[in-house]
Amino acid sequence: MSRRESLSLDEFALAARRQAPAGDDHRRSNNLEAHRGLDSPLHGPRDPRHEARKALRRMKRERVKGETCFVNVNLDRPTKRRLKLASFNAETSMQAIMEQAILKYLDDLGL
C-alpha cells in the first residue's frame, strides 16, 4: 500500500454490539448510584457506617481546626542538611526542632 492509498471504513471488520437484557438499565443505574455514593433523601437512607465515618472525620477536623498552621521556611542547603542531621541524631522530626527553636526565640524576645 502506498502513502496515497487509504483504507475505507468498510474494509475493517467490526464486531456487533452486545445487546443488554431488558430491565438491565434500571439495575445498572442503581449500581452506579450506590458506587458513587449518591444517596439522597430521594434514593433512600445512607449506610450507618458511612455516616459514622463522616461524623468522625468532622469531629477530627473540628479538634484540629485552629491548632495547626503551616509556615513555609526557605532554608539554604547547609542549614537544611544540618537540620536533617540533627533530627536524625535526636530521633525526632525536623518540625519538632523548628517548633522548639521558634518557641525559644519568641521566649527570649518576651513575646
C-alpha atoms as a PDB file:
ATOM      1  CA  MET A   1       0.000   0.000   0.000  1.00  0.00           C
ATOM      2  CA  SER A   2       1.442   3.370  -0.920  1.00  0.00           C
ATOM      3  CA  ARG A   3       1.151   6.575   1.010  1.00  0.00           C
ATOM      4  CA  ARG A   4      -1.648   7.868  -1.160  1.00  0.00           C
ATOM      5  CA  GLU A   5      -3.833   4.830  -0.736  1.00  0.00           C
ATOM      6  CA  SER A   6      -6.189   4.920   2.194  1.00  0.00           C
ATOM      7  CA  LEU A   7      -8.457   2.393   3.800  1.00  0.00           C
ATOM      8  CA  SER A   8     -12.167   2.844   3.922  1.00  0.00           C
ATOM      9  CA  LEU A   9     -14.310   2.018   6.913  1.00  0.00           C
ATOM     10  CA  ASP A  10     -15.877  -0.868   5.001  1.00  0.00           C
ATOM     11  CA  GLU A  11     -12.538  -2.681   4.909  1.00  0.00           C
ATOM     12  CA  PHE A  12     -12.377  -3.071   8.694  1.00  0.00           C
ATOM     13  CA  ALA A  13     -14.137  -5.933  10.432  1.00  0.00           C
ATOM     14  CA  LEU A  14     -16.389  -4.608  13.178  1.00  0.00           C
ATOM     15  CA  ALA A  15     -17.903  -6.708  15.947  1.00  0.00           C
ATOM     16  CA  ALA A  16     -21.590  -6.345  16.640  1.00  0.00           C
ATOM     17  CA  ARG A  17     -22.518  -4.640  19.889  1.00  0.00           C
ATOM     18  CA  ARG A  18     -23.710  -6.858  22.695  1.00  0.00           C
ATOM     19  CA  GLN A  19     -27.352  -6.312  23.471  1.00  0.00           C
ATOM     20  CA  ALA A  20     -28.259  -5.749  27.128  1.00  0.00           C
ATOM     21  CA  PRO A  21     -31.172  -7.763  28.507  1.00  0.00           C
ATOM     22  CA  ALA A  22     -34.400  -5.867  29.162  1.00  0.00           C
ATOM     23  CA  GLY A  23     -34.587  -4.221  32.576  1.00  0.00           C
ATOM     24  CA  ASP A  24     -30.793  -4.037  32.863  1.00  0.00           C
ATOM     25  CA  ASP A  25     -30.809  -0.228  32.570  1.00  0.00           C
ATOM     26  CA  HIS A  26     -32.599   0.175  35.918  1.00  0.00           C
ATOM     27  CA  ARG A  27     -30.224  -2.220  37.681  1.00  0.00           C
ATOM     28  CA  ARG A  28     -27.170  -0.527  36.142  1.00  0.00           C
ATOM     29  CA  SER A  29     -28.323   2.957  37.252  1.00  0.00           C
ATOM     30  CA  ASN A  30     -28.869   1.658  40.801  1.00  0.00           C
ATOM     31  CA  ASN A  31     -25.360   0.169  40.832  1.00  0.00           C
ATOM     32  CA  LEU A  32     -23.851   3.433  39.604  1.00  0.00           C
ATOM     33  CA  GLU A  33     -25.648   5.457  42.271  1.00  0.00           C
ATOM     34  CA  ALA A  34     -24.583   3.062  45.006  1.00  0.00           C
ATOM     35  CA  HIS A  35     -21.000   3.033  43.731  1.00  0.00           C
ATOM     36  CA  ARG A  36     -20.779   6.831  43.576  1.00  0.00           C
ATOM     37  CA  GLY A  37     -22.378   7.299  46.972  1.00  0.00           C
ATOM     38  CA  LEU A  38     -25.157   9.441  45.565  1.00  0.00           C
ATOM     39  CA  ASP A  39     -27.543   8.776  48.395  1.00  0.00           C
ATOM     40  CA  SER A  40     -30.066  11.499  48.928  1.00  0.00           C
ATOM     41  CA  PRO A  41     -33.446  11.543  50.629  1.00  0.00           C
ATOM     42  CA  LEU A  42     -34.896  10.590  47.245  1.00  0.00           C
ATOM     43  CA  HIS A  43     -32.732   7.468  46.952  1.00  0.00           C
ATOM     44  CA  GLY A  44     -33.110   6.116  50.481  1.00  0.00           C
ATOM     45  CA  PRO A  45     -31.144   6.119  53.736  1.00  0.00           C
ATOM     46  CA  ARG A  46     -27.361   6.084  53.838  1.00  0.00           C
ATOM     47  CA  ASP A  47     -25.224   3.343  55.281  1.00  0.00           C
ATOM     48  CA  PRO A  48     -24.742   3.903  59.057  1.00  0.00           C
ATOM     49  CA  ARG A  49     -21.019   3.129  58.723  1.00  0.00           C
ATOM     50  CA  HIS A  50     -20.698   5.843  56.110  1.00  0.00           C
ATOM     51  CA  GLU A  51     -22.441   8.328  58.375  1.00  0.00           C
ATOM     52  CA  ALA A  52     -20.215   7.317  61.315  1.00  0.00           C
ATOM     53  CA  ARG A  53     -17.081   7.820  59.205  1.00  0.00           C
ATOM     54  CA  LYS A  54     -18.277  11.249  58.124  1.00  0.00           C
ATOM     55  CA  ALA A  55     -19.056  12.226  61.721  1.00  0.00           C
ATOM     56  CA  LEU A  56     -15.632  11.039  62.887  1.00  0.00           C
ATOM     57  CA  ARG A  57     -13.922  12.990  60.114  1.00  0.00           C
ATOM     58  CA  ARG A  58     -15.923  16.110  61.065  1.00  0.00           C
ATOM     59  CA  MET A  59     -15.009  15.672  64.736  1.00  0.00           C
ATOM     60  CA  LYS A  60     -11.300  15.317  63.918  1.00  0.00           C
ATOM     61  CA  ARG A  61     -11.400  18.427  61.726  1.00  0.00           C
ATOM     62  CA  GLU A  62     -13.050  20.444  64.476  1.00  0.00           C
ATOM     63  CA  ARG A  63     -10.478  19.261  67.027  1.00  0.00           C
ATOM     64  CA  VAL A  64      -7.530  20.079  64.777  1.00  0.00           C
ATOM     65  CA  LYS A  65      -9.037  23.317  63.494  1.00  0.00           C
ATOM     66  CA  GLY A  66      -7.064  26.230  64.839  1.00  0.00           C
ATOM     67  CA  GLU A  67      -4.366  24.018  66.326  1.00  0.00           C
ATOM     68  CA  THR A  68      -2.130  23.632  63.313  1.00  0.00           C
ATOM     69  CA  CYS A  69      -0.827  26.206  60.927  1.00  0.00           C
ATOM     70  CA  PHE A  70       1.851  25.730  58.312  1.00  0.00           C
ATOM     71  CA  VAL A  71       4.727  28.127  57.792  1.00  0.00           C
ATOM     72  CA  ASN A  72       6.951  27.793  54.766  1.00  0.00           C
ATOM     73  CA  VAL A  73      10.585  28.472  55.622  1.00  0.00           C
ATOM     74  CA  ASN A  74      13.163  28.919  52.902  1.00  0.00           C
ATOM     75  CA  LEU A  75      16.441  27.400  54.135  1.00  0.00           C
ATOM     76  CA  ASP A  76      19.799  27.276  52.406  1.00  0.00           C
ATOM     77  CA  ARG A  77      21.220  23.846  51.694  1.00  0.00           C
ATOM     78  CA  PRO A  78      23.813  23.703  54.516  1.00  0.00           C
ATOM     79  CA  THR A  79      21.208  24.709  57.126  1.00  0.00           C
ATOM     80  CA  LYS A  80      18.713  22.178  55.806  1.00  0.00           C
ATOM     81  CA  ARG A  81      21.416  19.484  55.865  1.00  0.00           C
ATOM     82  CA  ARG A  82      22.285  20.342  59.494  1.00  0.00           C
ATOM     83  CA  LEU A  83      18.613  20.302  60.469  1.00  0.00           C
ATOM     84  CA  LYS A  84      18.110  16.932  58.802  1.00  0.00           C
ATOM     85  CA  LEU A  85      21.193  15.501  60.516  1.00  0.00           C
ATOM     86  CA  ALA A  86      20.091  16.883  63.903  1.00  0.00           C
ATOM     87  CA  SER A  87      16.629  15.344  63.516  1.00  0.00           C
ATOM     88  CA  PHE A  88      18.190  12.011  62.594  1.00  0.00           C
ATOM     89  CA  ASN A  89      20.632  12.058  65.537  1.00  0.00           C
ATOM     90  CA  ALA A  90      17.964  13.157  68.026  1.00  0.00           C
ATOM     91  CA  GLU A  91      15.462  10.675  66.543  1.00  0.00           C
ATOM     92  CA  THR A  92      12.844  13.384  66.229  1.00  0.00           C
ATOM     93  CA  SER A  93      11.250  15.256  63.353  1.00  0.00           C
ATOM     94  CA  MET A  94      12.583  18.407  61.739  1.00  0.00           C
ATOM     95  CA  GLN A  95       9.247  20.012  62.570  1.00  0.00           C
ATOM     96  CA  ALA A  96       9.736  19.414  66.299  1.00  0.00           C
ATOM     97  CA  ILE A  97      13.200  21.009  66.185  1.00  0.00           C
ATOM     98  CA  MET A  98      11.841  24.013  64.270  1.00  0.00           C
ATOM     99  CA  GLU A  99       8.970  24.415  66.752  1.00  0.00           C
ATOM    100  CA  GLN A 100      11.357  24.318  69.720  1.00  0.00           C
ATOM    101  CA  ALA A 101      13.706  26.816  68.064  1.00  0.00           C
ATOM    102  CA  ILE A 102      10.866  29.229  67.265  1.00  0.00           C
ATOM    103  CA  LEU A 103       9.421  28.957  70.787  1.00  0.00           C
ATOM    104  CA  LYS A 104      12.848  29.594  72.332  1.00  0.00           C
ATOM    105  CA  TYR A 105      13.383  32.616  70.089  1.00  0.00           C
ATOM    106  CA  LEU A 106       9.960  34.062  70.950  1.00  0.00           C
ATOM    107  CA  ASP A 107      10.512  33.421  74.674  1.00  0.00           C
ATOM    108  CA  ASP A 108      13.877  35.200  74.526  1.00  0.00           C
ATOM    109  CA  LEU A 109      12.153  38.196  72.971  1.00  0.00           C
ATOM    110  CA  GLY A 110       9.465  38.092  75.652  1.00  0.00           C
ATOM    111  CA  LEU A 111       6.629  37.585  73.199  1.00  0.00           C
END
